[in-house]
Each structure stands twice: as structure tokens, then as C-alpha cells.
Amino acid sequence: MTGNYSEEMGAVKSDLQTLKEDLATLTKSVKADAQANAKELRANAKTKFDEARANAVEAGSKGRKKAQTTIQDNPIVSIAATAGLGLIIGALMARR
């Protein structure tokens, strides 16, 4: 009975050691995969951010040019619209 118990304990210890080594290997593998995925995600996010920023700058430039053209083509209307907007904002602020 003692010999059988000793053999079983040896086998359990061996299995536990193998499990420990397998877990260490798995942990390293998961860490490497996570780092690779994080780098890829970071690169994709940076690319998309740069594209969005470029699009925003382009849209802002187009809007500014259009506004300048509209103001130059219709200065009286622009002055009237600005004055009207000022009156509306003043009235709203006076209500408070």
C-alpha cells in the first residue's frame, strides 16, 4: 500500500510540475499575442485619428473659404445676419 501511494504521489507531483510548466508557457504566449495585438490596434487607431484630423482640417478650410466667399459676395446680407444674430443672443441673455 505504501509503495502504491508513493508512486501515485510521484505521479501527481510530476503532473503538477508539467501543469506548472504548461501554464508558464501559455502565459508567455498569451502575453506575446496581447502585445502584438495592442501594437496593431495602436497603429490602426493612430492611422484613423490622423485621417480624421486631416478630414477635419480640410472640412474647416473649405467651410472658411465658403464663408469668406459668401461674405465678400453679399456684405450687406452678412452684416444684417450678424446683427440679427447679435440681437437674438442679447435677448436670450437678457431673459436670464
C-alpha atoms as a PDB file:
ATOM      1  CA  MET A   1       0.000   0.000   0.000  1.00  0.00           C
ATOM      2  CA  THR A   2       2.820   2.436   0.777  1.00  0.00           C
ATOM      3  CA  GLY A   3       4.606   1.715  -2.489  1.00  0.00           C
ATOM      4  CA  ASN A   4       1.473   2.357  -4.481  1.00  0.00           C
ATOM      5  CA  TYR A   5       0.829   5.581  -2.552  1.00  0.00           C
ATOM      6  CA  SER A   6       4.394   6.793  -3.127  1.00  0.00           C
ATOM      7  CA  GLU A   7       4.129   6.068  -6.836  1.00  0.00           C
ATOM      8  CA  GLU A   8       0.835   7.915  -7.063  1.00  0.00           C
ATOM      9  CA  MET A   9       2.238  10.917  -5.180  1.00  0.00           C
ATOM     10  CA  GLY A  10       5.237  10.938  -7.511  1.00  0.00           C
ATOM     11  CA  ALA A  11       2.935  10.856 -10.497  1.00  0.00           C
ATOM     12  CA  VAL A  12       0.818  13.686  -9.041  1.00  0.00           C
ATOM     13  CA  LYS A  13       3.940  15.775  -8.387  1.00  0.00           C
ATOM     14  CA  SER A  14       5.132  15.119 -11.924  1.00  0.00           C
ATOM     15  CA  ASP A  15       1.741  16.079 -13.340  1.00  0.00           C
ATOM     16  CA  LEU A  16       1.692  19.260 -11.249  1.00  0.00           C
ATOM     17  CA  GLN A  17       5.170  20.191 -12.452  1.00  0.00           C
ATOM     18  CA  THR A  18       4.108  19.611 -16.067  1.00  0.00           C
ATOM     19  CA  LEU A  19       0.977  21.697 -15.491  1.00  0.00           C
ATOM     20  CA  LYS A  20       3.077  24.482 -13.971  1.00  0.00           C
ATOM     21  CA  GLU A  21       5.410  24.500 -16.987  1.00  0.00           C
ATOM     22  CA  ASP A  22       2.473  24.428 -19.418  1.00  0.00           C
ATOM     23  CA  LEU A  23       0.846  27.367 -17.625  1.00  0.00           C
ATOM     24  CA  ALA A  24       4.088  29.331 -17.760  1.00  0.00           C
ATOM     25  CA  THR A  25       4.383  28.661 -21.498  1.00  0.00           C
ATOM     26  CA  LEU A  26       0.743  29.572 -22.067  1.00  0.00           C
ATOM     27  CA  THR A  27       1.129  32.781 -20.063  1.00  0.00           C
ATOM     28  CA  LYS A  28       4.141  33.815 -22.141  1.00  0.00           C
ATOM     29  CA  SER A  29       2.287  33.018 -25.351  1.00  0.00           C
ATOM     30  CA  VAL A  30      -0.806  34.981 -24.299  1.00  0.00           C
ATOM     31  CA  LYS A  31       1.372  37.923 -23.256  1.00  0.00           C
ATOM     32  CA  ALA A  32       3.173  37.960 -26.612  1.00  0.00           C
ATOM     33  CA  ASP A  33      -0.139  37.766 -28.506  1.00  0.00           C
ATOM     34  CA  ALA A  34      -1.639  40.551 -26.404  1.00  0.00           C
ATOM     35  CA  GLN A  35       1.376  42.785 -27.014  1.00  0.00           C
ATOM     36  CA  ALA A  36       1.246  42.134 -30.748  1.00  0.00           C
ATOM     37  CA  ASN A  37      -2.484  42.878 -30.828  1.00  0.00           C
ATOM     38  CA  ALA A  38      -2.003  46.024 -28.756  1.00  0.00           C
ATOM     39  CA  LYS A  39       0.666  47.302 -31.151  1.00  0.00           C
ATOM     40  CA  GLU A  40      -1.573  46.594 -34.136  1.00  0.00           C
ATOM     41  CA  LEU A  41      -4.571  48.276 -32.511  1.00  0.00           C
ATOM     42  CA  ARG A  42      -2.470  51.282 -31.534  1.00  0.00           C
ATOM     43  CA  ALA A  43      -1.176  51.634 -35.094  1.00  0.00           C
ATOM     44  CA  ASN A  44      -4.699  51.354 -36.523  1.00  0.00           C
ATOM     45  CA  ALA A  45      -6.040  53.898 -34.038  1.00  0.00           C
ATOM     46  CA  LYS A  46      -3.251  56.343 -34.860  1.00  0.00           C
ATOM     47  CA  THR A  47      -3.879  55.952 -38.592  1.00  0.00           C
ATOM     48  CA  LYS A  48      -7.620  56.532 -38.199  1.00  0.00           C
ATOM     49  CA  PHE A  49      -7.008  59.521 -35.904  1.00  0.00           C
ATOM     50  CA  ASP A  50      -4.610  61.068 -38.409  1.00  0.00           C
ATOM     51  CA  GLU A  51      -7.123  60.533 -41.225  1.00  0.00           C
ATOM     52  CA  ALA A  52      -9.940  62.059 -39.165  1.00  0.00           C
ATOM     53  CA  ARG A  53      -7.781  65.048 -38.253  1.00  0.00           C
ATOM     54  CA  ALA A  54      -6.840  65.589 -41.896  1.00  0.00           C
ATOM     55  CA  ASN A  55     -10.505  65.384 -42.911  1.00  0.00           C
ATOM     56  CA  ALA A  56     -11.497  67.847 -40.177  1.00  0.00           C
ATOM     57  CA  VAL A  57      -8.803  70.324 -41.217  1.00  0.00           C
ATOM     58  CA  GLU A  58      -9.862  70.018 -44.855  1.00  0.00           C
ATOM     59  CA  ALA A  59     -13.545  70.496 -43.999  1.00  0.00           C
ATOM     60  CA  GLY A  60     -12.698  73.509 -41.828  1.00  0.00           C
ATOM     61  CA  SER A  61     -10.667  75.078 -44.611  1.00  0.00           C
ATOM     62  CA  LYS A  62     -13.460  74.536 -47.134  1.00  0.00           C
ATOM     63  CA  GLY A  63     -16.025  75.996 -44.727  1.00  0.00           C
ATOM     64  CA  ARG A  64     -13.876  79.022 -44.012  1.00  0.00           C
ATOM     65  CA  LYS A  65     -13.305  79.652 -47.743  1.00  0.00           C
ATOM     66  CA  LYS A  66     -17.016  79.300 -48.456  1.00  0.00           C
ATOM     67  CA  ALA A  67     -17.891  81.700 -45.635  1.00  0.00           C
ATOM     68  CA  GLN A  68     -15.343  84.244 -46.884  1.00  0.00           C
ATOM     69  CA  THR A  69     -16.697  83.980 -50.407  1.00  0.00           C
ATOM     70  CA  THR A  70     -20.282  84.375 -49.221  1.00  0.00           C
ATOM     71  CA  ILE A  71     -19.394  87.408 -47.087  1.00  0.00           C
ATOM     72  CA  GLN A  72     -17.464  89.042 -49.962  1.00  0.00           C
ATOM     73  CA  ASP A  73     -20.292  88.380 -52.416  1.00  0.00           C
ATOM     74  CA  ASN A  74     -23.052  89.614 -50.055  1.00  0.00           C
ATOM     75  CA  PRO A  75     -21.604  92.050 -47.485  1.00  0.00           C
ATOM     76  CA  ILE A  76     -24.936  93.710 -46.645  1.00  0.00           C
ATOM     77  CA  VAL A  77     -26.670  90.404 -46.038  1.00  0.00           C
ATOM     78  CA  SER A  78     -23.750  89.241 -43.904  1.00  0.00           C
ATOM     79  CA  ILE A  79     -23.870  92.397 -41.778  1.00  0.00           C
ATOM     80  CA  ALA A  80     -27.646  92.080 -41.368  1.00  0.00           C
ATOM     81  CA  ALA A  81     -27.373  88.396 -40.425  1.00  0.00           C
ATOM     82  CA  THR A  82     -24.660  89.158 -37.871  1.00  0.00           C
ATOM     83  CA  ALA A  83     -26.699  91.993 -36.376  1.00  0.00           C
ATOM     84  CA  GLY A  84     -29.790  89.784 -36.198  1.00  0.00           C
ATOM     85  CA  LEU A  85     -27.835  87.022 -34.524  1.00  0.00           C
ATOM     86  CA  GLY A  86     -26.464  89.543 -32.030  1.00  0.00           C
ATOM     87  CA  LEU A  87     -29.975  90.767 -31.212  1.00  0.00           C
ATOM     88  CA  ILE A  88     -31.213  87.205 -30.660  1.00  0.00           C
ATOM     89  CA  ILE A  89     -28.301  86.343 -28.382  1.00  0.00           C
ATOM     90  CA  GLY A  90     -28.750  89.624 -26.486  1.00  0.00           C
ATOM     91  CA  ALA A  91     -32.453  88.943 -25.993  1.00  0.00           C
ATOM     92  CA  LEU A  92     -31.793  85.424 -24.749  1.00  0.00           C
ATOM     93  CA  MET A  93     -29.153  86.656 -22.317  1.00  0.00           C
ATOM     94  CA  ALA A  94     -31.435  89.449 -21.058  1.00  0.00           C
ATOM     95  CA  ARG A  95     -34.076  86.866 -20.087  1.00  0.00           C
ATOM     96  CA  ARG A  96     -31.792  85.299 -17.531  1.00  0.00           C
END
